[in-house]
N, C-alpha and C. Protein backbone atom coordinates (compact mmCIF):
# COMPACT_ATOMS: atom_id res chain seq x y z
N MET A 1 24.28 -6.90 -2.72
CA MET A 1 22.87 -7.26 -2.95
C MET A 1 22.35 -6.70 -4.27
N GLY A 2 22.98 -5.66 -4.80
CA GLY A 2 22.47 -5.04 -6.00
C GLY A 2 21.40 -4.03 -5.67
N SER A 3 20.82 -3.42 -6.71
CA SER A 3 19.82 -2.38 -6.47
C SER A 3 18.51 -2.99 -5.97
N VAL A 4 17.85 -2.26 -5.07
CA VAL A 4 16.64 -2.75 -4.40
C VAL A 4 15.49 -1.79 -4.65
N ALA A 5 14.33 -2.35 -5.01
CA ALA A 5 13.12 -1.54 -5.19
C ALA A 5 12.02 -2.04 -4.28
N VAL A 6 11.14 -1.13 -3.90
CA VAL A 6 9.91 -1.49 -3.20
C VAL A 6 8.75 -1.30 -4.17
N LEU A 7 7.88 -2.30 -4.27
CA LEU A 7 6.64 -2.15 -5.02
C LEU A 7 5.72 -1.32 -4.14
N PHE A 8 5.59 -0.04 -4.47
CA PHE A 8 5.07 0.94 -3.52
C PHE A 8 3.73 1.51 -3.95
N SER A 9 2.72 1.37 -3.06
CA SER A 9 1.38 1.88 -3.34
C SER A 9 1.03 3.07 -2.47
N GLY A 10 1.85 3.33 -1.45
CA GLY A 10 1.54 4.40 -0.51
C GLY A 10 0.67 3.98 0.65
N GLY A 11 0.22 2.72 0.65
CA GLY A 11 -0.62 2.21 1.72
C GLY A 11 0.19 1.67 2.88
N LYS A 12 -0.50 1.18 3.89
CA LYS A 12 0.15 0.71 5.12
C LYS A 12 1.08 -0.47 4.87
N ASP A 13 0.70 -1.39 3.99
CA ASP A 13 1.49 -2.61 3.81
C ASP A 13 2.84 -2.34 3.15
N SER A 14 2.82 -1.64 2.02
CA SER A 14 4.09 -1.40 1.33
C SER A 14 4.98 -0.46 2.14
N THR A 15 4.37 0.47 2.88
CA THR A 15 5.17 1.38 3.70
C THR A 15 5.77 0.67 4.90
N LEU A 16 5.01 -0.21 5.53
CA LEU A 16 5.56 -0.98 6.66
C LEU A 16 6.63 -1.96 6.17
N ALA A 17 6.40 -2.57 5.00
CA ALA A 17 7.41 -3.47 4.42
C ALA A 17 8.72 -2.72 4.18
N LEU A 18 8.62 -1.49 3.68
CA LEU A 18 9.81 -0.65 3.49
C LEU A 18 10.54 -0.46 4.82
N HIS A 19 9.81 -0.10 5.86
CA HIS A 19 10.44 0.14 7.16
C HIS A 19 11.11 -1.11 7.71
N LYS A 20 10.46 -2.25 7.56
CA LYS A 20 11.04 -3.49 8.07
C LYS A 20 12.28 -3.88 7.28
N ALA A 21 12.24 -3.69 5.97
CA ALA A 21 13.42 -4.00 5.14
C ALA A 21 14.60 -3.11 5.54
N VAL A 22 14.34 -1.82 5.70
CA VAL A 22 15.40 -0.88 6.08
C VAL A 22 15.96 -1.24 7.46
N SER A 23 15.07 -1.62 8.39
CA SER A 23 15.52 -1.98 9.73
C SER A 23 16.38 -3.24 9.73
N GLN A 24 16.24 -4.05 8.66
CA GLN A 24 17.04 -5.27 8.52
C GLN A 24 18.32 -5.02 7.72
N GLY A 25 18.61 -3.75 7.44
CA GLY A 25 19.85 -3.40 6.77
C GLY A 25 19.78 -3.32 5.26
N VAL A 26 18.58 -3.35 4.70
CA VAL A 26 18.42 -3.27 3.24
C VAL A 26 18.44 -1.81 2.81
N ASP A 27 19.26 -1.48 1.82
CA ASP A 27 19.30 -0.12 1.27
C ASP A 27 18.37 -0.06 0.06
N VAL A 28 17.29 0.67 0.20
CA VAL A 28 16.29 0.77 -0.88
C VAL A 28 16.64 1.93 -1.79
N ASP A 29 16.69 1.64 -3.10
CA ASP A 29 17.08 2.64 -4.09
C ASP A 29 15.91 3.26 -4.84
N LEU A 30 14.78 2.53 -4.89
CA LEU A 30 13.74 2.91 -5.84
C LEU A 30 12.36 2.48 -5.36
N PHE A 31 11.36 3.31 -5.64
CA PHE A 31 9.95 2.90 -5.53
C PHE A 31 9.43 2.66 -6.93
N ILE A 32 8.80 1.51 -7.13
CA ILE A 32 8.08 1.24 -8.39
C ILE A 32 6.60 1.28 -8.07
N THR A 33 5.88 2.19 -8.70
CA THR A 33 4.46 2.39 -8.42
C THR A 33 3.65 2.16 -9.68
N LEU A 34 2.77 1.18 -9.64
CA LEU A 34 1.88 0.89 -10.76
C LEU A 34 0.64 1.78 -10.65
N ARG A 35 0.28 2.41 -11.76
CA ARG A 35 -0.85 3.33 -11.75
C ARG A 35 -1.97 2.76 -12.64
N PRO A 36 -2.99 2.10 -12.04
CA PRO A 36 -4.06 1.48 -12.82
C PRO A 36 -4.91 2.52 -13.55
N GLU A 37 -5.34 2.15 -14.75
CA GLU A 37 -6.19 3.04 -15.54
C GLU A 37 -7.67 2.81 -15.24
N ASN A 38 -8.00 1.73 -14.49
CA ASN A 38 -9.40 1.55 -14.08
C ASN A 38 -9.46 1.34 -12.57
N ASP A 39 -10.67 1.25 -12.03
CA ASP A 39 -10.86 1.18 -10.58
C ASP A 39 -10.90 -0.24 -10.04
N TYR A 40 -10.65 -1.25 -10.90
CA TYR A 40 -10.89 -2.62 -10.47
C TYR A 40 -9.64 -3.50 -10.54
N SER A 41 -8.50 -2.91 -10.32
CA SER A 41 -7.26 -3.67 -10.34
C SER A 41 -7.25 -4.74 -9.25
N PHE A 42 -6.78 -5.94 -9.61
CA PHE A 42 -6.66 -7.03 -8.64
C PHE A 42 -5.40 -6.90 -7.79
N MET A 43 -4.43 -6.13 -8.28
CA MET A 43 -3.11 -6.12 -7.64
C MET A 43 -2.71 -4.76 -7.06
N PHE A 44 -3.22 -3.67 -7.63
CA PHE A 44 -2.64 -2.37 -7.33
C PHE A 44 -3.68 -1.34 -6.89
N HIS A 45 -3.28 -0.44 -5.99
CA HIS A 45 -4.14 0.64 -5.52
C HIS A 45 -4.34 1.66 -6.64
N LYS A 46 -5.50 2.32 -6.60
CA LYS A 46 -5.78 3.41 -7.54
C LYS A 46 -6.00 4.73 -6.81
N VAL A 47 -6.72 4.69 -5.69
CA VAL A 47 -7.11 5.91 -4.98
C VAL A 47 -5.87 6.67 -4.49
N ASN A 48 -5.77 7.94 -4.85
CA ASN A 48 -4.69 8.83 -4.41
C ASN A 48 -3.29 8.37 -4.82
N ILE A 49 -3.21 7.53 -5.86
CA ILE A 49 -1.92 6.96 -6.22
C ILE A 49 -0.92 8.04 -6.65
N ALA A 50 -1.40 9.13 -7.27
CA ALA A 50 -0.49 10.20 -7.70
C ALA A 50 0.22 10.85 -6.52
N LEU A 51 -0.43 10.81 -5.34
CA LEU A 51 0.15 11.46 -4.16
C LEU A 51 1.29 10.66 -3.55
N THR A 52 1.54 9.46 -4.06
CA THR A 52 2.70 8.71 -3.57
C THR A 52 4.00 9.45 -3.88
N GLN A 53 3.95 10.37 -4.86
CA GLN A 53 5.16 11.15 -5.14
C GLN A 53 5.53 12.04 -3.96
N LEU A 54 4.52 12.48 -3.18
CA LEU A 54 4.82 13.23 -1.96
C LEU A 54 5.49 12.34 -0.92
N GLN A 55 5.02 11.10 -0.83
CA GLN A 55 5.64 10.15 0.10
C GLN A 55 7.09 9.88 -0.28
N ALA A 56 7.32 9.65 -1.58
CA ALA A 56 8.68 9.39 -2.05
C ALA A 56 9.59 10.57 -1.76
N GLU A 57 9.06 11.78 -1.96
CA GLU A 57 9.84 12.99 -1.68
C GLU A 57 10.11 13.12 -0.18
N ALA A 58 9.09 12.81 0.64
CA ALA A 58 9.24 12.92 2.09
C ALA A 58 10.30 11.96 2.62
N ILE A 59 10.39 10.79 1.99
CA ILE A 59 11.35 9.77 2.42
C ILE A 59 12.72 10.00 1.78
N GLY A 60 12.70 10.53 0.54
CA GLY A 60 13.95 10.77 -0.17
C GLY A 60 14.38 9.60 -1.03
N ILE A 61 13.41 8.94 -1.66
CA ILE A 61 13.70 7.79 -2.53
C ILE A 61 13.14 8.07 -3.92
N LYS A 62 13.93 7.76 -4.93
CA LYS A 62 13.51 7.93 -6.32
C LYS A 62 12.29 7.05 -6.61
N GLN A 63 11.39 7.55 -7.46
CA GLN A 63 10.17 6.80 -7.78
C GLN A 63 9.95 6.74 -9.28
N VAL A 64 9.46 5.58 -9.73
CA VAL A 64 9.08 5.40 -11.12
C VAL A 64 7.61 4.99 -11.17
N PHE A 65 6.81 5.71 -11.96
CA PHE A 65 5.41 5.35 -12.18
C PHE A 65 5.30 4.53 -13.46
N VAL A 66 4.48 3.49 -13.41
CA VAL A 66 4.23 2.65 -14.59
C VAL A 66 2.73 2.50 -14.75
N SER A 67 2.20 2.88 -15.90
CA SER A 67 0.77 2.74 -16.15
C SER A 67 0.40 1.29 -16.42
N THR A 68 -0.77 0.89 -15.94
CA THR A 68 -1.29 -0.45 -16.22
C THR A 68 -2.79 -0.34 -16.44
N LYS A 69 -3.31 -1.14 -17.34
CA LYS A 69 -4.75 -1.10 -17.61
C LYS A 69 -5.55 -1.65 -16.43
N GLY A 70 -4.88 -2.36 -15.51
CA GLY A 70 -5.57 -2.87 -14.33
C GLY A 70 -6.43 -4.09 -14.60
N GLU A 71 -6.19 -4.75 -15.74
CA GLU A 71 -6.94 -5.97 -16.06
C GLU A 71 -6.15 -7.17 -15.55
N LYS A 72 -6.87 -8.18 -15.06
CA LYS A 72 -6.32 -9.22 -14.20
C LYS A 72 -4.95 -9.76 -14.62
N GLU A 73 -4.81 -10.29 -15.82
CA GLU A 73 -3.52 -10.86 -16.21
C GLU A 73 -2.62 -9.85 -16.91
N LEU A 74 -3.24 -8.89 -17.60
CA LEU A 74 -2.44 -7.89 -18.31
C LEU A 74 -1.62 -7.04 -17.35
N GLU A 75 -2.18 -6.78 -16.14
CA GLU A 75 -1.42 -5.95 -15.20
C GLU A 75 -0.17 -6.67 -14.71
N LEU A 76 -0.20 -8.00 -14.74
CA LEU A 76 0.99 -8.76 -14.37
C LEU A 76 2.08 -8.59 -15.43
N ALA A 77 1.65 -8.53 -16.69
CA ALA A 77 2.61 -8.28 -17.77
C ALA A 77 3.21 -6.88 -17.63
N ASP A 78 2.37 -5.92 -17.22
CA ASP A 78 2.86 -4.56 -17.00
C ASP A 78 3.87 -4.53 -15.85
N LEU A 79 3.60 -5.29 -14.79
CA LEU A 79 4.53 -5.37 -13.67
C LEU A 79 5.85 -5.99 -14.12
N GLU A 80 5.77 -7.06 -14.90
CA GLU A 80 6.99 -7.72 -15.38
C GLU A 80 7.82 -6.77 -16.23
N ARG A 81 7.15 -6.03 -17.10
CA ARG A 81 7.86 -5.05 -17.94
C ARG A 81 8.56 -4.00 -17.07
N ALA A 82 7.85 -3.53 -16.04
CA ALA A 82 8.42 -2.50 -15.16
C ALA A 82 9.65 -3.02 -14.43
N LEU A 83 9.56 -4.26 -13.94
CA LEU A 83 10.70 -4.84 -13.22
C LEU A 83 11.88 -5.08 -14.14
N ARG A 84 11.59 -5.55 -15.35
CA ARG A 84 12.67 -5.80 -16.31
C ARG A 84 13.39 -4.50 -16.66
N GLU A 85 12.62 -3.45 -16.91
CA GLU A 85 13.21 -2.16 -17.30
C GLU A 85 13.96 -1.49 -16.16
N SER A 86 13.58 -1.81 -14.91
CA SER A 86 14.21 -1.17 -13.75
C SER A 86 15.63 -1.64 -13.51
N GLY A 87 15.93 -2.88 -13.92
CA GLY A 87 17.26 -3.43 -13.73
C GLY A 87 17.61 -3.75 -12.29
N ILE A 88 16.59 -3.92 -11.44
CA ILE A 88 16.85 -4.18 -10.02
C ILE A 88 17.25 -5.63 -9.78
N SER A 89 17.83 -5.87 -8.61
CA SER A 89 18.21 -7.23 -8.20
C SER A 89 17.28 -7.79 -7.14
N VAL A 90 16.64 -6.88 -6.37
CA VAL A 90 15.79 -7.29 -5.25
C VAL A 90 14.51 -6.47 -5.27
N LEU A 91 13.37 -7.14 -5.02
CA LEU A 91 12.08 -6.46 -4.93
C LEU A 91 11.46 -6.73 -3.57
N VAL A 92 11.08 -5.67 -2.88
CA VAL A 92 10.39 -5.77 -1.59
C VAL A 92 8.91 -5.48 -1.82
N THR A 93 8.03 -6.34 -1.30
CA THR A 93 6.59 -6.09 -1.41
C THR A 93 5.93 -6.19 -0.04
N GLY A 94 4.71 -5.68 0.03
CA GLY A 94 3.95 -5.70 1.27
C GLY A 94 2.97 -6.85 1.37
N ALA A 95 3.21 -7.93 0.64
CA ALA A 95 2.31 -9.09 0.70
C ALA A 95 2.24 -9.62 2.13
N ILE A 96 1.01 -9.88 2.59
CA ILE A 96 0.82 -10.42 3.94
C ILE A 96 0.20 -11.80 3.90
N ALA A 97 -0.92 -11.94 3.19
CA ALA A 97 -1.65 -13.21 3.24
C ALA A 97 -2.16 -13.67 1.89
N SER A 98 -2.09 -12.81 0.87
CA SER A 98 -2.66 -13.16 -0.42
C SER A 98 -1.71 -14.05 -1.23
N GLU A 99 -2.06 -15.33 -1.32
CA GLU A 99 -1.27 -16.26 -2.14
C GLU A 99 -1.32 -15.84 -3.60
N TYR A 100 -2.47 -15.29 -4.02
CA TYR A 100 -2.61 -14.83 -5.41
C TYR A 100 -1.52 -13.81 -5.74
N GLN A 101 -1.40 -12.80 -4.89
CA GLN A 101 -0.41 -11.75 -5.16
C GLN A 101 1.01 -12.27 -5.03
N LYS A 102 1.29 -12.96 -3.94
CA LYS A 102 2.66 -13.39 -3.68
C LYS A 102 3.16 -14.36 -4.74
N SER A 103 2.34 -15.33 -5.11
CA SER A 103 2.78 -16.34 -6.08
C SER A 103 3.05 -15.72 -7.44
N ARG A 104 2.24 -14.76 -7.83
CA ARG A 104 2.44 -14.14 -9.13
C ARG A 104 3.66 -13.23 -9.15
N VAL A 105 3.87 -12.51 -8.07
CA VAL A 105 5.07 -11.68 -8.00
C VAL A 105 6.32 -12.56 -7.99
N GLU A 106 6.29 -13.65 -7.24
CA GLU A 106 7.46 -14.53 -7.18
C GLU A 106 7.72 -15.21 -8.51
N SER A 107 6.66 -15.54 -9.25
CA SER A 107 6.84 -16.14 -10.56
C SER A 107 7.54 -15.17 -11.51
N ILE A 108 7.11 -13.91 -11.48
CA ILE A 108 7.74 -12.89 -12.32
C ILE A 108 9.20 -12.68 -11.90
N CYS A 109 9.43 -12.56 -10.60
CA CYS A 109 10.80 -12.34 -10.11
C CYS A 109 11.71 -13.51 -10.48
N SER A 110 11.18 -14.72 -10.40
CA SER A 110 11.97 -15.91 -10.75
C SER A 110 12.41 -15.87 -12.21
N ARG A 111 11.49 -15.47 -13.09
CA ARG A 111 11.82 -15.40 -14.52
C ARG A 111 12.89 -14.35 -14.78
N LEU A 112 12.88 -13.29 -13.99
CA LEU A 112 13.81 -12.18 -14.23
C LEU A 112 15.09 -12.27 -13.40
N GLY A 113 15.19 -13.29 -12.55
CA GLY A 113 16.37 -13.43 -11.70
C GLY A 113 16.42 -12.42 -10.58
N ILE A 114 15.24 -11.98 -10.12
CA ILE A 114 15.14 -10.99 -9.04
C ILE A 114 14.77 -11.70 -7.74
N LYS A 115 15.42 -11.33 -6.66
CA LYS A 115 15.07 -11.88 -5.35
C LYS A 115 13.86 -11.13 -4.80
N HIS A 116 12.86 -11.88 -4.30
CA HIS A 116 11.67 -11.26 -3.73
C HIS A 116 11.71 -11.35 -2.21
N ILE A 117 11.52 -10.20 -1.55
CA ILE A 117 11.47 -10.14 -0.09
C ILE A 117 10.08 -9.66 0.32
N ALA A 118 9.42 -10.41 1.19
CA ALA A 118 8.09 -10.04 1.70
C ALA A 118 8.16 -10.01 3.23
N PRO A 119 8.60 -8.89 3.82
CA PRO A 119 8.83 -8.84 5.27
C PRO A 119 7.59 -9.05 6.12
N LEU A 120 6.40 -8.83 5.55
CA LEU A 120 5.16 -8.94 6.34
C LEU A 120 4.47 -10.28 6.18
N TRP A 121 5.04 -11.19 5.38
CA TRP A 121 4.34 -12.42 5.04
C TRP A 121 3.92 -13.20 6.28
N HIS A 122 2.62 -13.49 6.35
CA HIS A 122 1.99 -14.22 7.46
C HIS A 122 2.06 -13.47 8.79
N MET A 123 2.25 -12.17 8.74
CA MET A 123 2.19 -11.37 9.96
C MET A 123 0.76 -11.36 10.48
N ASP A 124 0.59 -11.45 11.78
CA ASP A 124 -0.75 -11.41 12.37
C ASP A 124 -1.41 -10.07 12.04
N PRO A 125 -2.64 -10.09 11.49
CA PRO A 125 -3.29 -8.85 11.06
C PRO A 125 -3.43 -7.81 12.18
N ARG A 126 -3.79 -8.26 13.37
CA ARG A 126 -3.95 -7.30 14.47
C ARG A 126 -2.60 -6.71 14.86
N SER A 127 -1.57 -7.54 14.86
CA SER A 127 -0.23 -7.05 15.19
C SER A 127 0.23 -6.00 14.19
N GLU A 128 -0.09 -6.23 12.91
CA GLU A 128 0.29 -5.25 11.90
C GLU A 128 -0.41 -3.92 12.15
N LEU A 129 -1.72 -3.98 12.40
CA LEU A 129 -2.47 -2.75 12.63
C LEU A 129 -2.00 -2.03 13.88
N GLU A 130 -1.65 -2.78 14.91
CA GLU A 130 -1.15 -2.15 16.14
C GLU A 130 0.18 -1.43 15.89
N GLU A 131 1.03 -2.04 15.06
CA GLU A 131 2.30 -1.40 14.72
C GLU A 131 2.06 -0.12 13.93
N ILE A 132 1.11 -0.19 13.00
CA ILE A 132 0.75 0.99 12.21
C ILE A 132 0.20 2.09 13.13
N ALA A 133 -0.71 1.70 14.03
CA ALA A 133 -1.35 2.68 14.92
C ALA A 133 -0.34 3.36 15.84
N SER A 134 0.68 2.61 16.25
CA SER A 134 1.63 3.15 17.23
C SER A 134 2.68 4.06 16.62
N SER A 135 3.03 3.85 15.34
CA SER A 135 4.16 4.62 14.80
C SER A 135 3.88 5.31 13.46
N PHE A 136 2.72 5.05 12.84
CA PHE A 136 2.38 5.67 11.56
C PHE A 136 1.16 6.56 11.72
N ASN A 137 1.00 7.49 10.81
CA ASN A 137 -0.29 8.17 10.62
C ASN A 137 -0.81 7.68 9.28
N ALA A 138 -1.70 6.69 9.32
CA ALA A 138 -2.26 6.09 8.11
C ALA A 138 -3.78 6.20 8.17
N ILE A 139 -4.38 6.58 7.05
CA ILE A 139 -5.83 6.76 7.00
C ILE A 139 -6.48 5.79 6.01
N ILE A 140 -7.76 5.52 6.22
CA ILE A 140 -8.52 4.67 5.31
C ILE A 140 -8.97 5.50 4.12
N THR A 141 -8.68 5.03 2.91
CA THR A 141 -9.01 5.80 1.71
C THR A 141 -10.01 5.10 0.80
N GLN A 142 -10.30 3.83 1.07
CA GLN A 142 -11.31 3.13 0.28
C GLN A 142 -11.91 2.00 1.11
N VAL A 143 -13.23 1.82 0.98
CA VAL A 143 -13.90 0.69 1.63
C VAL A 143 -14.81 0.01 0.63
N SER A 144 -14.85 -1.32 0.69
CA SER A 144 -15.68 -2.07 -0.26
C SER A 144 -16.04 -3.43 0.30
N ALA A 145 -16.55 -3.44 1.54
CA ALA A 145 -16.96 -4.70 2.17
C ALA A 145 -18.11 -4.43 3.12
N GLU A 146 -18.93 -5.44 3.33
CA GLU A 146 -20.08 -5.30 4.22
C GLU A 146 -19.61 -4.91 5.63
N GLY A 147 -20.26 -3.89 6.18
CA GLY A 147 -19.90 -3.42 7.51
C GLY A 147 -18.99 -2.21 7.49
N LEU A 148 -18.24 -2.06 6.41
CA LEU A 148 -17.36 -0.89 6.28
C LEU A 148 -18.15 0.22 5.59
N ASP A 149 -18.59 1.19 6.37
CA ASP A 149 -19.43 2.26 5.81
C ASP A 149 -18.62 3.55 5.63
N SER A 150 -19.33 4.62 5.27
CA SER A 150 -18.65 5.87 4.94
C SER A 150 -17.95 6.51 6.14
N THR A 151 -18.32 6.09 7.36
CA THR A 151 -17.68 6.68 8.54
C THR A 151 -16.21 6.28 8.67
N PHE A 152 -15.81 5.22 7.97
CA PHE A 152 -14.41 4.79 8.01
C PHE A 152 -13.52 5.65 7.11
N LEU A 153 -14.11 6.28 6.11
CA LEU A 153 -13.32 7.01 5.11
C LEU A 153 -12.63 8.22 5.73
N GLY A 154 -11.32 8.29 5.53
CA GLY A 154 -10.53 9.38 6.08
C GLY A 154 -10.11 9.19 7.52
N GLU A 155 -10.55 8.08 8.14
CA GLU A 155 -10.23 7.84 9.54
C GLU A 155 -8.80 7.31 9.70
N ARG A 156 -8.13 7.79 10.73
CA ARG A 156 -6.79 7.30 11.04
C ARG A 156 -6.88 5.92 11.68
N ILE A 157 -5.90 5.07 11.36
CA ILE A 157 -5.83 3.75 11.99
C ILE A 157 -5.30 3.93 13.41
N THR A 158 -6.19 3.72 14.37
CA THR A 158 -5.88 3.87 15.80
C THR A 158 -6.35 2.61 16.52
N GLU A 159 -6.09 2.54 17.82
CA GLU A 159 -6.59 1.42 18.61
C GLU A 159 -8.12 1.37 18.57
N GLY A 160 -8.75 2.54 18.57
CA GLY A 160 -10.20 2.58 18.49
C GLY A 160 -10.72 2.01 17.19
N LEU A 161 -10.06 2.35 16.09
CA LEU A 161 -10.49 1.83 14.79
C LEU A 161 -10.22 0.33 14.70
N ILE A 162 -9.12 -0.12 15.29
CA ILE A 162 -8.81 -1.56 15.31
C ILE A 162 -9.92 -2.31 16.04
N ALA A 163 -10.42 -1.76 17.14
CA ALA A 163 -11.51 -2.39 17.88
C ALA A 163 -12.77 -2.50 17.03
N ARG A 164 -13.06 -1.46 16.25
CA ARG A 164 -14.21 -1.51 15.33
C ARG A 164 -14.02 -2.59 14.27
N LEU A 165 -12.81 -2.70 13.75
CA LEU A 165 -12.53 -3.71 12.73
C LEU A 165 -12.63 -5.12 13.30
N GLU A 166 -12.23 -5.30 14.55
CA GLU A 166 -12.35 -6.61 15.18
C GLU A 166 -13.80 -7.06 15.27
N LYS A 167 -14.69 -6.14 15.59
CA LYS A 167 -16.11 -6.46 15.65
C LYS A 167 -16.63 -6.87 14.28
N LEU A 168 -16.18 -6.16 13.24
CA LEU A 168 -16.60 -6.49 11.88
C LEU A 168 -16.00 -7.81 11.42
N ASN A 169 -14.81 -8.10 11.89
CA ASN A 169 -14.19 -9.39 11.58
C ASN A 169 -15.04 -10.53 12.12
N LYS A 170 -15.52 -10.37 13.34
CA LYS A 170 -16.36 -11.41 13.95
C LYS A 170 -17.73 -11.49 13.30
N ALA A 171 -18.27 -10.34 12.91
CA ALA A 171 -19.62 -10.31 12.34
C ALA A 171 -19.66 -10.72 10.87
N TYR A 172 -18.66 -10.27 10.10
CA TYR A 172 -18.70 -10.47 8.65
C TYR A 172 -17.50 -11.21 8.08
N GLY A 173 -16.51 -11.50 8.92
CA GLY A 173 -15.32 -12.20 8.42
C GLY A 173 -14.36 -11.31 7.67
N ILE A 174 -14.43 -10.01 7.89
CA ILE A 174 -13.53 -9.08 7.21
C ILE A 174 -12.08 -9.36 7.60
N ASN A 175 -11.21 -9.43 6.59
CA ASN A 175 -9.78 -9.59 6.85
C ASN A 175 -9.23 -8.27 7.37
N MET A 176 -8.69 -8.28 8.57
CA MET A 176 -8.25 -7.04 9.20
C MET A 176 -7.02 -6.42 8.53
N SER A 177 -6.33 -7.19 7.70
CA SER A 177 -5.22 -6.63 6.93
C SER A 177 -5.69 -6.08 5.59
N PHE A 178 -6.99 -6.28 5.29
CA PHE A 178 -7.59 -5.84 4.02
C PHE A 178 -7.02 -6.59 2.82
N GLU A 179 -6.51 -7.80 3.05
CA GLU A 179 -5.92 -8.56 1.95
C GLU A 179 -6.95 -9.04 0.95
N GLY A 180 -8.22 -9.03 1.35
CA GLY A 180 -9.27 -9.41 0.41
C GLY A 180 -9.80 -8.22 -0.37
N GLY A 181 -9.13 -7.08 -0.26
CA GLY A 181 -9.58 -5.88 -0.96
C GLY A 181 -10.67 -5.13 -0.22
N GLU A 182 -10.88 -5.46 1.06
CA GLU A 182 -11.94 -4.82 1.84
C GLU A 182 -11.75 -3.30 1.97
N ALA A 183 -10.50 -2.87 2.01
CA ALA A 183 -10.21 -1.44 2.18
C ALA A 183 -8.81 -1.15 1.68
N GLU A 184 -8.53 0.14 1.50
CA GLU A 184 -7.20 0.61 1.17
C GLU A 184 -6.83 1.73 2.13
N SER A 185 -5.54 2.00 2.23
CA SER A 185 -5.07 3.03 3.16
C SER A 185 -4.02 3.90 2.49
N PHE A 186 -3.70 5.00 3.16
CA PHE A 186 -2.67 5.91 2.66
C PHE A 186 -1.91 6.44 3.87
N VAL A 187 -0.58 6.42 3.79
CA VAL A 187 0.27 6.82 4.92
C VAL A 187 0.65 8.30 4.78
N LEU A 188 0.33 9.07 5.81
CA LEU A 188 0.64 10.49 5.84
C LEU A 188 1.95 10.79 6.56
N ASP A 189 2.33 9.90 7.46
CA ASP A 189 3.58 10.09 8.19
C ASP A 189 4.05 8.75 8.74
N ALA A 190 5.36 8.60 8.85
CA ALA A 190 5.97 7.36 9.35
C ALA A 190 7.40 7.69 9.76
N PRO A 191 8.06 6.82 10.50
CA PRO A 191 9.41 7.12 11.00
C PRO A 191 10.42 7.53 9.93
N LEU A 192 10.34 6.94 8.73
CA LEU A 192 11.31 7.27 7.68
C LEU A 192 10.99 8.57 6.94
N PHE A 193 9.82 9.14 7.18
CA PHE A 193 9.44 10.40 6.54
C PHE A 193 10.24 11.54 7.17
N LYS A 194 10.91 12.32 6.34
CA LYS A 194 11.61 13.51 6.84
C LYS A 194 10.64 14.68 7.01
N LYS A 195 9.55 14.63 6.27
CA LYS A 195 8.44 15.57 6.43
C LYS A 195 7.14 14.77 6.47
N ARG A 196 6.09 15.38 6.97
CA ARG A 196 4.79 14.71 7.00
C ARG A 196 3.90 15.28 5.90
N ILE A 197 2.90 14.52 5.51
CA ILE A 197 1.95 14.99 4.50
C ILE A 197 0.74 15.60 5.21
N GLU A 198 0.43 16.82 4.85
CA GLU A 198 -0.72 17.53 5.41
C GLU A 198 -1.82 17.57 4.34
N VAL A 199 -3.00 17.08 4.69
CA VAL A 199 -4.14 17.12 3.76
C VAL A 199 -4.83 18.47 3.90
N LYS A 200 -4.88 19.22 2.81
CA LYS A 200 -5.51 20.54 2.82
C LYS A 200 -6.98 20.45 2.43
N LYS A 201 -7.27 19.57 1.47
CA LYS A 201 -8.65 19.46 0.98
C LYS A 201 -8.90 18.03 0.54
N ALA A 202 -10.06 17.48 0.93
CA ALA A 202 -10.42 16.11 0.53
C ALA A 202 -11.93 15.99 0.52
N HIS A 203 -12.42 14.96 -0.15
CA HIS A 203 -13.87 14.71 -0.14
C HIS A 203 -14.13 13.22 -0.20
N LYS A 204 -15.32 12.84 0.26
CA LYS A 204 -15.74 11.44 0.24
C LYS A 204 -16.66 11.17 -0.94
N VAL A 205 -16.52 9.98 -1.50
CA VAL A 205 -17.44 9.48 -2.53
C VAL A 205 -18.05 8.20 -1.98
N TRP A 206 -19.38 8.12 -1.93
CA TRP A 206 -20.06 6.97 -1.33
C TRP A 206 -21.27 6.60 -2.18
N ASP A 207 -21.34 5.33 -2.62
CA ASP A 207 -22.46 4.91 -3.46
C ASP A 207 -23.47 4.04 -2.72
N GLY A 208 -23.32 3.96 -1.41
CA GLY A 208 -24.23 3.14 -0.61
C GLY A 208 -23.63 1.81 -0.20
N LYS A 209 -22.61 1.37 -0.93
CA LYS A 209 -21.93 0.11 -0.62
C LYS A 209 -20.41 0.26 -0.55
N THR A 210 -19.88 1.06 -1.44
CA THR A 210 -18.44 1.27 -1.48
C THR A 210 -18.14 2.77 -1.46
N GLY A 211 -16.94 3.11 -1.06
CA GLY A 211 -16.61 4.52 -1.00
C GLY A 211 -15.13 4.79 -1.07
N GLN A 212 -14.81 6.05 -1.36
CA GLN A 212 -13.42 6.48 -1.46
C GLN A 212 -13.24 7.82 -0.75
N TYR A 213 -12.04 8.00 -0.23
CA TYR A 213 -11.64 9.27 0.37
C TYR A 213 -10.61 9.87 -0.58
N ILE A 214 -11.02 10.86 -1.34
CA ILE A 214 -10.17 11.44 -2.37
C ILE A 214 -9.47 12.68 -1.81
N ILE A 215 -8.15 12.64 -1.82
CA ILE A 215 -7.37 13.80 -1.38
C ILE A 215 -7.19 14.74 -2.56
N ASP A 216 -7.79 15.92 -2.48
CA ASP A 216 -7.73 16.89 -3.57
C ASP A 216 -6.47 17.74 -3.53
N GLU A 217 -6.07 18.11 -2.31
CA GLU A 217 -4.87 18.93 -2.16
C GLU A 217 -4.10 18.46 -0.93
N ALA A 218 -2.79 18.35 -1.08
CA ALA A 218 -1.94 17.96 0.04
C ALA A 218 -0.55 18.55 -0.18
N PHE A 219 0.19 18.72 0.90
CA PHE A 219 1.53 19.28 0.80
C PHE A 219 2.41 18.71 1.91
N LEU A 220 3.71 18.85 1.73
CA LEU A 220 4.66 18.41 2.75
C LEU A 220 4.86 19.51 3.78
N ALA A 221 4.85 19.10 5.05
CA ALA A 221 5.00 20.05 6.15
C ALA A 221 6.08 19.55 7.11
N PRO A 222 6.70 20.45 7.86
CA PRO A 222 7.70 20.02 8.84
C PRO A 222 7.08 19.11 9.90
N LYS A 223 7.89 18.20 10.42
CA LYS A 223 7.40 17.29 11.47
C LYS A 223 7.62 17.91 12.85
């Protein structure tokens, strides 16, 4: 199959995609993590992105960080450059429902002769969250949609939180997978983690409409 990379943001989607790929017999060699220079990237997470190095260490996979300005089309050029320089044969992503993201990644992979695998594509949003709730410790780190207030920040994805999201889905049409950018998440523990991430210090930022859960200090701890 050649060398395999995961486009890794540290959130629930890319981490679950990693687990599904590994369960299907794929040997992952590398995490490629894009680090946006602004807060408005269309493709990539920004909040707590530096802490993905703890996740990579906990799992035991090499990681490469690539800076991107986070501007709509330029960040795609940054992704293409990163993939070309990596020399990989296969790219795994956490795309679920966004045609924008999937089509652009596949276009880049096609030009570079890279096979694209999207294990979560068209997965039912509630089923994904239930899988996360049952086997991961994943928290909400950013909210930016009507109905998602500051009380969600730092909250673990559980059955109780899924029930709250279902109500918001009915009231406001929020995509429960957050594919519309409604929220972002960060995984603190999962089956492939040899150690878990312990948050020592964090704070919330809330402007009345959008908010972030910023992890100031974290470390790896025994499971």
